[in-house]
Amino acid sequence: MKKNRSQCKRYAKEVLRGNFTIPIVGTLAVAGMSFIGSTLATALFPGDSLYAILAGEVFNFVLSLIICVFSAGLYRIYLNISRHEEYSFGDLLYFFRNQPDRVIVASFVLALINLVTSIPSSYFAMTTDMGTTVDEQMNWMMGYFVLMIVCYVLNIVVASPFAFTYYVLSDRPEAGGFEALKISARLMKKHWLKYFAMLLSFVPWIIFSVFTMYLVLLWLVPYIEMSLVVFYRDIAGDFDEPVLSENPQITDQTEA
């Protein structure tokens, strides 16, 4: 039975009840890895020279591929929770033990999309002068902020067909990285508007989180991720009722 947006979100709340701890800790762990990686890049390649910027970006790019293997494990945890299957914090390492190359290949493509869609804002930041007056600096910051928003939206649009790649990799151990990207794109076909509607429905919560010093994100991020997991399972057919044969075969068991 297909679920609408409200039903997906309601189901997400139900399965997360009593299961928030590991998703929260897992999310913080992955976010912490990204923060440490950025800090290391700055420490190893200080300065604003072209070499330092490029070397730092390459370092971050390679490190992000490794972190994505942990992220894929986190998505597997969400999948297992949604299906009432066993899960543990150790599942973060699941793909390190099960063909991590599949995740790295898929993550490489997704990272390239992120890199390309961020070029306009990065180019603006590197090639324009902030100015010396307050007005000039405010105008520069406003222009940079607007460009960042445009790049972020562009990234969502371009990457949305591949949003469920890690779920596919978890569900289909035989699928390679490129194949998982293609399967995700097929699943998202005709469903991307519903996907965007799902994302937009969380915007009020994200705005509200600002007034809580972002503390509500500890609850909100697992809620968003689980809602997307349920959405994935819905378009993948997990909730479809089994089709009964119109002409069932009847075996004659009359004793001789």
C-alpha atoms as a PDB file:
ATOM      1  CA  MET A   1       0.000   0.000   0.000  1.00  0.00           C
ATOM      2  CA  LYS A   2       1.542   3.284  -1.136  1.00  0.00           C
ATOM      3  CA  LYS A   3       2.152   5.955   1.505  1.00  0.00           C
ATOM      4  CA  ASN A   4       1.730   9.691   1.143  1.00  0.00           C
ATOM      5  CA  ARG A   5       4.099  12.212   2.712  1.00  0.00           C
ATOM      6  CA  SER A   6       2.212  12.410   6.016  1.00  0.00           C
ATOM      7  CA  GLN A   7       2.079   8.622   6.315  1.00  0.00           C
ATOM      8  CA  CYS A   8       5.827   8.330   5.630  1.00  0.00           C
ATOM      9  CA  LYS A   9       6.604  10.870   8.356  1.00  0.00           C
ATOM     10  CA  ARG A  10       4.202   9.256  10.802  1.00  0.00           C
ATOM     11  CA  TYR A  11       5.721   5.821  10.177  1.00  0.00           C
ATOM     12  CA  ALA A  12       9.196   7.335  10.690  1.00  0.00           C
ATOM     13  CA  LYS A  13       8.184   8.670  14.110  1.00  0.00           C
ATOM     14  CA  GLU A  14       6.767   5.295  15.105  1.00  0.00           C
ATOM     15  CA  VAL A  15       9.849   3.248  14.228  1.00  0.00           C
ATOM     16  CA  LEU A  16      12.209   5.796  15.812  1.00  0.00           C
ATOM     17  CA  ARG A  17      10.361   5.692  19.132  1.00  0.00           C
ATOM     18  CA  GLY A  18      12.875   4.146  21.538  1.00  0.00           C
ATOM     19  CA  ASN A  19      15.504   3.917  18.778  1.00  0.00           C
ATOM     20  CA  PHE A  20      16.952   7.433  18.719  1.00  0.00           C
ATOM     21  CA  THR A  21      20.241   6.842  20.553  1.00  0.00           C
ATOM     22  CA  ILE A  22      22.332   5.051  17.923  1.00  0.00           C
ATOM     23  CA  PRO A  23      21.137   7.218  14.997  1.00  0.00           C
ATOM     24  CA  ILE A  24      22.007  10.364  16.985  1.00  0.00           C
ATOM     25  CA  VAL A  25      25.425   9.052  18.051  1.00  0.00           C
ATOM     26  CA  GLY A  26      26.106   7.779  14.524  1.00  0.00           C
ATOM     27  CA  THR A  27      25.162  11.116  12.985  1.00  0.00           C
ATOM     28  CA  LEU A  28      27.393  12.988  15.436  1.00  0.00           C
ATOM     29  CA  ALA A  29      30.253  10.564  14.729  1.00  0.00           C
ATOM     30  CA  VAL A  30      30.061  11.077  10.953  1.00  0.00           C
ATOM     31  CA  ALA A  31      29.719  14.854  11.377  1.00  0.00           C
ATOM     32  CA  GLY A  32      32.703  14.799  13.744  1.00  0.00           C
ATOM     33  CA  MET A  33      34.809  12.983  11.143  1.00  0.00           C
ATOM     34  CA  SER A  34      33.975  15.653   8.561  1.00  0.00           C
ATOM     35  CA  PHE A  35      34.893  18.415  11.012  1.00  0.00           C
ATOM     36  CA  ILE A  36      38.199  16.759  11.925  1.00  0.00           C
ATOM     37  CA  GLY A  37      38.953  16.281   8.233  1.00  0.00           C
ATOM     38  CA  SER A  38      38.403  19.978   7.476  1.00  0.00           C
ATOM     39  CA  THR A  39      40.524  20.952  10.488  1.00  0.00           C
ATOM     40  CA  LEU A  40      43.338  18.657   9.349  1.00  0.00           C
ATOM     41  CA  ALA A  41      43.196  20.093   5.822  1.00  0.00           C
ATOM     42  CA  THR A  42      43.570  23.605   7.198  1.00  0.00           C
ATOM     43  CA  ALA A  43      46.420  22.558   9.496  1.00  0.00           C
ATOM     44  CA  LEU A  44      48.315  20.588   6.843  1.00  0.00           C
ATOM     45  CA  PHE A  45      47.864  23.127   4.049  1.00  0.00           C
ATOM     46  CA  PRO A  46      47.748  26.595   5.650  1.00  0.00           C
ATOM     47  CA  GLY A  47      47.643  29.845   3.740  1.00  0.00           C
ATOM     48  CA  ASP A  48      45.649  31.198   0.825  1.00  0.00           C
ATOM     49  CA  SER A  49      48.018  30.326  -2.007  1.00  0.00           C
ATOM     50  CA  LEU A  50      46.720  28.389  -5.001  1.00  0.00           C
ATOM     51  CA  TYR A  51      48.757  25.345  -3.921  1.00  0.00           C
ATOM     52  CA  ALA A  52      47.350  25.406  -0.375  1.00  0.00           C
ATOM     53  CA  ILE A  53      43.779  25.746  -1.624  1.00  0.00           C
ATOM     54  CA  LEU A  54      44.095  22.963  -4.215  1.00  0.00           C
ATOM     55  CA  ALA A  55      45.971  20.616  -1.884  1.00  0.00           C
ATOM     56  CA  GLY A  56      43.406  21.189   0.854  1.00  0.00           C
ATOM     57  CA  GLU A  57      40.538  20.502  -1.551  1.00  0.00           C
ATOM     58  CA  VAL A  58      42.159  17.273  -2.802  1.00  0.00           C
ATOM     59  CA  PHE A  59      42.796  16.152   0.783  1.00  0.00           C
ATOM     60  CA  ASN A  60      39.179  16.872   1.722  1.00  0.00           C
ATOM     61  CA  PHE A  61      37.952  15.084  -1.415  1.00  0.00           C
ATOM     62  CA  VAL A  62      39.873  11.875  -0.670  1.00  0.00           C
ATOM     63  CA  LEU A  63      38.922  11.953   2.998  1.00  0.00           C
ATOM     64  CA  SER A  64      35.260  12.494   2.103  1.00  0.00           C
ATOM     65  CA  LEU A  65      35.284   9.243   0.118  1.00  0.00           C
ATOM     66  CA  ILE A  66      36.391   7.362   3.240  1.00  0.00           C
ATOM     67  CA  ILE A  67      33.817   9.123   5.416  1.00  0.00           C
ATOM     68  CA  CYS A  68      31.124   8.165   2.892  1.00  0.00           C
ATOM     69  CA  VAL A  69      31.753   4.506   3.735  1.00  0.00           C
ATOM     70  CA  PHE A  70      30.779   5.332   7.329  1.00  0.00           C
ATOM     71  CA  SER A  71      27.774   7.306   6.048  1.00  0.00           C
ATOM     72  CA  ALA A  72      26.600   4.301   4.030  1.00  0.00           C
ATOM     73  CA  GLY A  73      26.800   2.228   7.212  1.00  0.00           C
ATOM     74  CA  LEU A  74      24.680   4.841   9.007  1.00  0.00           C
ATOM     75  CA  TYR A  75      22.030   4.613   6.276  1.00  0.00           C
ATOM     76  CA  ARG A  76      22.030   0.839   6.713  1.00  0.00           C
ATOM     77  CA  ILE A  77      21.268   1.375  10.402  1.00  0.00           C
ATOM     78  CA  TYR A  78      18.254   3.488   9.460  1.00  0.00           C
ATOM     79  CA  LEU A  79      17.083   0.809   7.036  1.00  0.00           C
ATOM     80  CA  ASN A  80      17.355  -1.907   9.671  1.00  0.00           C
ATOM     81  CA  ILE A  81      15.469   0.188  12.228  1.00  0.00           C
ATOM     82  CA  SER A  82      12.676   0.890   9.740  1.00  0.00           C
ATOM     83  CA  ARG A  83      12.308  -2.840   9.078  1.00  0.00           C
ATOM     84  CA  HIS A  84      12.454  -3.776  12.780  1.00  0.00           C
ATOM     85  CA  GLU A  85      15.653  -5.732  12.138  1.00  0.00           C
ATOM     86  CA  GLU A  86      18.689  -6.013  14.409  1.00  0.00           C
ATOM     87  CA  TYR A  87      21.155  -3.138  14.301  1.00  0.00           C
ATOM     88  CA  SER A  88      24.091  -1.819  16.300  1.00  0.00           C
ATOM     89  CA  PHE A  89      26.555   1.057  16.339  1.00  0.00           C
ATOM     90  CA  GLY A  90      29.064  -1.340  14.775  1.00  0.00           C
ATOM     91  CA  ASP A  91      27.013  -1.261  11.562  1.00  0.00           C
ATOM     92  CA  LEU A  92      28.809   1.995  10.784  1.00  0.00           C
ATOM     93  CA  LEU A  93      31.662  -0.307   9.715  1.00  0.00           C
ATOM     94  CA  TYR A  94      29.407  -2.633   7.694  1.00  0.00           C
ATOM     95  CA  PHE A  95      30.666  -1.534   4.271  1.00  0.00           C
ATOM     96  CA  PHE A  96      34.307  -1.667   5.340  1.00  0.00           C
ATOM     97  CA  ARG A  97      33.713  -5.406   5.758  1.00  0.00           C
ATOM     98  CA  ASN A  98      31.491  -5.766   2.673  1.00  0.00           C
ATOM     99  CA  GLN A  99      32.947  -4.464  -0.586  1.00  0.00           C
ATOM    100  CA  PRO A 100      33.787  -0.851   0.353  1.00  0.00           C
ATOM    101  CA  ASP A 101      34.860  -0.250  -3.256  1.00  0.00           C
ATOM    102  CA  ARG A 102      31.171  -0.147  -4.268  1.00  0.00           C
ATOM    103  CA  VAL A 103      30.542   2.755  -1.905  1.00  0.00           C
ATOM    104  CA  ILE A 104      33.747   4.552  -2.916  1.00  0.00           C
ATOM    105  CA  VAL A 105      32.869   4.352  -6.630  1.00  0.00           C
ATOM    106  CA  ALA A 106      29.360   5.722  -6.042  1.00  0.00           C
ATOM    107  CA  SER A 107      30.677   8.355  -3.603  1.00  0.00           C
ATOM    108  CA  PHE A 108      33.272   9.471  -6.146  1.00  0.00           C
ATOM    109  CA  VAL A 109      30.505  10.334  -8.604  1.00  0.00           C
ATOM    110  CA  LEU A 110      28.443  12.096  -5.918  1.00  0.00           C
ATOM    111  CA  ALA A 111      31.521  14.001  -4.706  1.00  0.00           C
ATOM    112  CA  LEU A 112      32.223  15.156  -8.262  1.00  0.00           C
ATOM    113  CA  ILE A 113      28.668  16.493  -8.467  1.00  0.00           C
ATOM    114  CA  ASN A 114      29.196  18.368  -5.191  1.00  0.00           C
ATOM    115  CA  LEU A 115      32.517  19.734  -6.451  1.00  0.00           C
ATOM    116  CA  VAL A 116      31.159  20.922  -9.809  1.00  0.00           C
ATOM    117  CA  THR A 117      28.044  22.539  -8.350  1.00  0.00           C
ATOM    118  CA  SER A 118      30.152  24.411  -5.767  1.00  0.00           C
ATOM    119  CA  ILE A 119      32.529  25.913  -8.341  1.00  0.00           C
ATOM    120  CA  PRO A 120      30.572  29.185  -8.855  1.00  0.00           C
ATOM    121  CA  SER A 121      30.589  30.116  -5.162  1.00  0.00           C
ATOM    122  CA  SER A 122      34.213  28.998  -4.708  1.00  0.00           C
ATOM    123  CA  TYR A 123      35.314  30.973  -7.764  1.00  0.00           C
ATOM    124  CA  PHE A 124      33.480  34.053  -6.501  1.00  0.00           C
ATOM    125  CA  ALA A 125      35.133  33.778  -3.083  1.00  0.00           C
ATOM    126  CA  MET A 126      38.619  33.356  -4.580  1.00  0.00           C
ATOM    127  CA  THR A 127      38.490  35.994  -7.310  1.00  0.00           C
ATOM    128  CA  THR A 128      36.511  38.892  -5.859  1.00  0.00           C
ATOM    129  CA  ASP A 129      37.625  41.487  -3.350  1.00  0.00           C
ATOM    130  CA  MET A 130      35.526  42.024  -0.249  1.00  0.00           C
ATOM    131  CA  GLY A 131      36.347  45.709  -0.323  1.00  0.00           C
ATOM    132  CA  THR A 132      37.425  47.995   2.462  1.00  0.00           C
ATOM    133  CA  THR A 133      34.252  49.761   3.523  1.00  0.00           C
ATOM    134  CA  VAL A 134      31.426  48.253   5.544  1.00  0.00           C
ATOM    135  CA  ASP A 135      28.998  48.696   2.645  1.00  0.00           C
ATOM    136  CA  GLU A 136      31.340  46.941   0.214  1.00  0.00           C
ATOM    137  CA  GLN A 137      31.875  44.049   2.592  1.00  0.00           C
ATOM    138  CA  MET A 138      28.139  43.715   3.276  1.00  0.00           C
ATOM    139  CA  ASN A 139      27.418  43.673  -0.468  1.00  0.00           C
ATOM    140  CA  TRP A 140      30.135  41.048  -0.972  1.00  0.00           C
ATOM    141  CA  MET A 141      28.744  38.863   1.793  1.00  0.00           C
ATOM    142  CA  MET A 142      25.207  39.177   0.422  1.00  0.00           C
ATOM    143  CA  GLY A 143      26.363  38.239  -3.071  1.00  0.00           C
ATOM    144  CA  TYR A 144      28.323  35.269  -1.736  1.00  0.00           C
ATOM    145  CA  PHE A 145      25.382  34.110   0.389  1.00  0.00           C
ATOM    146  CA  VAL A 146      22.964  34.256  -2.546  1.00  0.00           C
ATOM    147  CA  LEU A 147      25.420  32.379  -4.763  1.00  0.00           C
ATOM    148  CA  MET A 148      25.874  29.717  -2.083  1.00  0.00           C
ATOM    149  CA  ILE A 149      22.102  29.207  -1.906  1.00  0.00           C
ATOM    150  CA  VAL A 150      21.913  28.920  -5.696  1.00  0.00           C
ATOM    151  CA  CYS A 151      24.744  26.353  -5.708  1.00  0.00           C
ATOM    152  CA  TYR A 152      23.092  24.397  -2.893  1.00  0.00           C
ATOM    153  CA  VAL A 153      19.767  24.228  -4.741  1.00  0.00           C
ATOM    154  CA  LEU A 154      21.586  23.278  -7.945  1.00  0.00           C
ATOM    155  CA  ASN A 155      23.342  20.460  -6.099  1.00  0.00           C
ATOM    156  CA  ILE A 156      20.048  19.117  -4.757  1.00  0.00           C
ATOM    157  CA  VAL A 157      18.489  19.182  -8.231  1.00  0.00           C
ATOM    158  CA  VAL A 158      21.438  17.475  -9.952  1.00  0.00           C
ATOM    159  CA  ALA A 159      22.097  14.926  -7.183  1.00  0.00           C
ATOM    160  CA  SER A 160      18.464  14.096  -6.335  1.00  0.00           C
ATOM    161  CA  PRO A 161      18.201  11.133  -8.765  1.00  0.00           C
ATOM    162  CA  PHE A 162      21.004   9.460  -6.812  1.00  0.00           C
ATOM    163  CA  ALA A 163      19.639  10.241  -3.337  1.00  0.00           C
ATOM    164  CA  PHE A 164      18.977   6.579  -2.515  1.00  0.00           C
ATOM    165  CA  THR A 165      22.229   5.099  -3.828  1.00  0.00           C
ATOM    166  CA  TYR A 166      23.483   4.009  -0.385  1.00  0.00           C
ATOM    167  CA  TYR A 167      20.145   2.357   0.406  1.00  0.00           C
ATOM    168  CA  VAL A 168      20.379   0.420  -2.857  1.00  0.00           C
ATOM    169  CA  LEU A 169      23.942  -0.662  -2.021  1.00  0.00           C
ATOM    170  CA  SER A 170      22.687  -1.961   1.332  1.00  0.00           C
ATOM    171  CA  ASP A 171      19.713  -3.796  -0.154  1.00  0.00           C
ATOM    172  CA  ARG A 172      21.546  -5.225  -3.166  1.00  0.00           C
ATOM    173  CA  PRO A 173      24.982  -6.618  -2.273  1.00  0.00           C
ATOM    174  CA  GLU A 174      25.449  -7.721  -5.872  1.00  0.00           C
ATOM    175  CA  ALA A 175      25.105  -4.180  -7.257  1.00  0.00           C
ATOM    176  CA  GLY A 176      28.228  -2.217  -8.078  1.00  0.00           C
ATOM    177  CA  GLY A 177      28.638   1.499  -7.473  1.00  0.00           C
ATOM    178  CA  PHE A 178      27.556   2.637 -10.942  1.00  0.00           C
ATOM    179  CA  GLU A 179      24.682   0.166 -11.001  1.00  0.00           C
ATOM    180  CA  ALA A 180      23.420   1.445  -7.642  1.00  0.00           C
ATOM    181  CA  LEU A 181      23.442   5.002  -9.033  1.00  0.00           C
ATOM    182  CA  LYS A 182      21.382   3.853 -12.025  1.00  0.00           C
ATOM    183  CA  ILE A 183      18.904   1.942  -9.857  1.00  0.00           C
ATOM    184  CA  SER A 184      18.449   4.985  -7.606  1.00  0.00           C
ATOM    185  CA  ALA A 185      17.800   7.154 -10.674  1.00  0.00           C
ATOM    186  CA  ARG A 186      15.190   4.679 -11.937  1.00  0.00           C
ATOM    187  CA  LEU A 187      13.469   4.627  -8.558  1.00  0.00           C
ATOM    188  CA  MET A 188      13.380   8.421  -8.407  1.00  0.00           C
ATOM    189  CA  LYS A 189      11.923   8.729 -11.896  1.00  0.00           C
ATOM    190  CA  LYS A 190       8.425  10.287 -11.613  1.00  0.00           C
ATOM    191  CA  HIS A 191       8.945  10.656  -7.855  1.00  0.00           C
ATOM    192  CA  TRP A 192      11.370  13.592  -7.656  1.00  0.00           C
ATOM    193  CA  LEU A 193       8.604  16.155  -7.098  1.00  0.00           C
ATOM    194  CA  LYS A 194       7.361  14.141  -4.113  1.00  0.00           C
ATOM    195  CA  TYR A 195      10.951  13.922  -2.907  1.00  0.00           C
ATOM    196  CA  PHE A 196      11.381  17.700  -3.035  1.00  0.00           C
ATOM    197  CA  ALA A 197       8.020  18.165  -1.331  1.00  0.00           C
ATOM    198  CA  MET A 198       9.246  15.880   1.445  1.00  0.00           C
ATOM    199  CA  LEU A 199      12.428  17.926   1.876  1.00  0.00           C
ATOM    200  CA  LEU A 200      10.555  21.242   1.841  1.00  0.00           C
ATOM    201  CA  SER A 201       8.169  20.000   4.527  1.00  0.00           C
ATOM    202  CA  PHE A 202      11.071  20.049   7.002  1.00  0.00           C
ATOM    203  CA  VAL A 203      12.119  23.657   6.286  1.00  0.00           C
ATOM    204  CA  PRO A 204       9.947  25.118   9.110  1.00  0.00           C
ATOM    205  CA  TRP A 205      11.599  22.718  11.569  1.00  0.00           C
ATOM    206  CA  ILE A 206      15.062  23.706  10.334  1.00  0.00           C
ATOM    207  CA  ILE A 207      14.220  27.395  10.774  1.00  0.00           C
ATOM    208  CA  PHE A 208      12.850  26.660  14.248  1.00  0.00           C
ATOM    209  CA  SER A 209      16.109  24.898  15.155  1.00  0.00           C
ATOM    210  CA  VAL A 210      17.913  28.251  14.903  1.00  0.00           C
ATOM    211  CA  PHE A 211      15.945  29.473  17.932  1.00  0.00           C
ATOM    212  CA  THR A 212      16.969  26.399  19.956  1.00  0.00           C
ATOM    213  CA  MET A 213      20.703  26.903  19.310  1.00  0.00           C
ATOM    214  CA  TYR A 214      20.330  24.000  16.854  1.00  0.00           C
ATOM    215  CA  LEU A 215      19.759  21.542  19.706  1.00  0.00           C
ATOM    216  CA  VAL A 216      16.520  20.355  18.094  1.00  0.00           C
ATOM    217  CA  LEU A 217      18.645  19.005  15.230  1.00  0.00           C
ATOM    218  CA  LEU A 218      19.591  16.085  17.476  1.00  0.00           C
ATOM    219  CA  TRP A 219      15.977  14.955  17.075  1.00  0.00           C
ATOM    220  CA  LEU A 220      15.287  16.462  13.668  1.00  0.00           C
ATOM    221  CA  VAL A 221      18.128  14.898  11.649  1.00  0.00           C
ATOM    222  CA  PRO A 222      17.194  11.263  12.520  1.00  0.00           C
ATOM    223  CA  TYR A 223      13.532  12.156  11.875  1.00  0.00           C
ATOM    224  CA  ILE A 224      14.356  13.545   8.409  1.00  0.00           C
ATOM    225  CA  GLU A 225      16.618  10.612   7.530  1.00  0.00           C
ATOM    226  CA  MET A 226      14.063   8.039   8.660  1.00  0.00           C
ATOM    227  CA  SER A 227      11.299   9.785   6.709  1.00  0.00           C
ATOM    228  CA  LEU A 228      13.467   9.550   3.588  1.00  0.00           C
ATOM    229  CA  VAL A 229      14.163   5.878   4.327  1.00  0.00           C
ATOM    230  CA  VAL A 230      10.424   5.210   4.481  1.00  0.00           C
ATOM    231  CA  PHE A 231       9.973   7.187   1.253  1.00  0.00           C
ATOM    232  CA  TYR A 232      12.659   5.035  -0.393  1.00  0.00           C
ATOM    233  CA  ARG A 233      11.042   1.828   0.803  1.00  0.00           C
ATOM    234  CA  ASP A 234       7.695   3.057  -0.462  1.00  0.00           C
ATOM    235  CA  ILE A 235       8.844   3.782  -4.022  1.00  0.00           C
ATOM    236  CA  ALA A 236      10.915   0.576  -3.975  1.00  0.00           C
ATOM    237  CA  GLY A 237       7.722  -1.398  -3.328  1.00  0.00           C
ATOM    238  CA  ASP A 238       8.387  -2.586   0.236  1.00  0.00           C
ATOM    239  CA  PHE A 239       4.872  -1.696   1.321  1.00  0.00           C
ATOM    240  CA  ASP A 240       3.068  -3.051  -1.742  1.00  0.00           C
ATOM    241  CA  GLU A 241       0.544  -5.753  -1.050  1.00  0.00           C
ATOM    242  CA  PRO A 242       1.412  -9.135  -2.612  1.00  0.00           C
ATOM    243  CA  VAL A 243      -0.358  -9.808  -5.884  1.00  0.00           C
ATOM    244  CA  LEU A 244      -2.475 -12.961  -5.745  1.00  0.00           C
ATOM    245  CA  SER A 245      -2.663 -15.150  -8.801  1.00  0.00           C
ATOM    246  CA  GLU A 246      -6.005 -14.961 -10.616  1.00  0.00           C
ATOM    247  CA  ASN A 247      -5.780 -18.652 -11.484  1.00  0.00           C
ATOM    248  CA  PRO A 248      -4.126 -20.423  -8.563  1.00  0.00           C
ATOM    249  CA  GLN A 249      -2.936 -23.940  -9.204  1.00  0.00           C
ATOM    250  CA  ILE A 250      -4.715 -26.571  -7.115  1.00  0.00           C
ATOM    251  CA  THR A 251      -2.873 -29.788  -6.471  1.00  0.00           C
ATOM    252  CA  ASP A 252      -4.991 -32.901  -6.302  1.00  0.00           C
ATOM    253  CA  GLN A 253      -3.917 -34.738  -3.133  1.00  0.00           C
ATOM    254  CA  THR A 254      -6.540 -37.490  -3.324  1.00  0.00           C
ATOM    255  CA  GLU A 255      -5.094 -40.710  -2.027  1.00  0.00           C
ATOM    256  CA  ALA A 256      -4.888 -43.557  -4.519  1.00  0.00           C
END
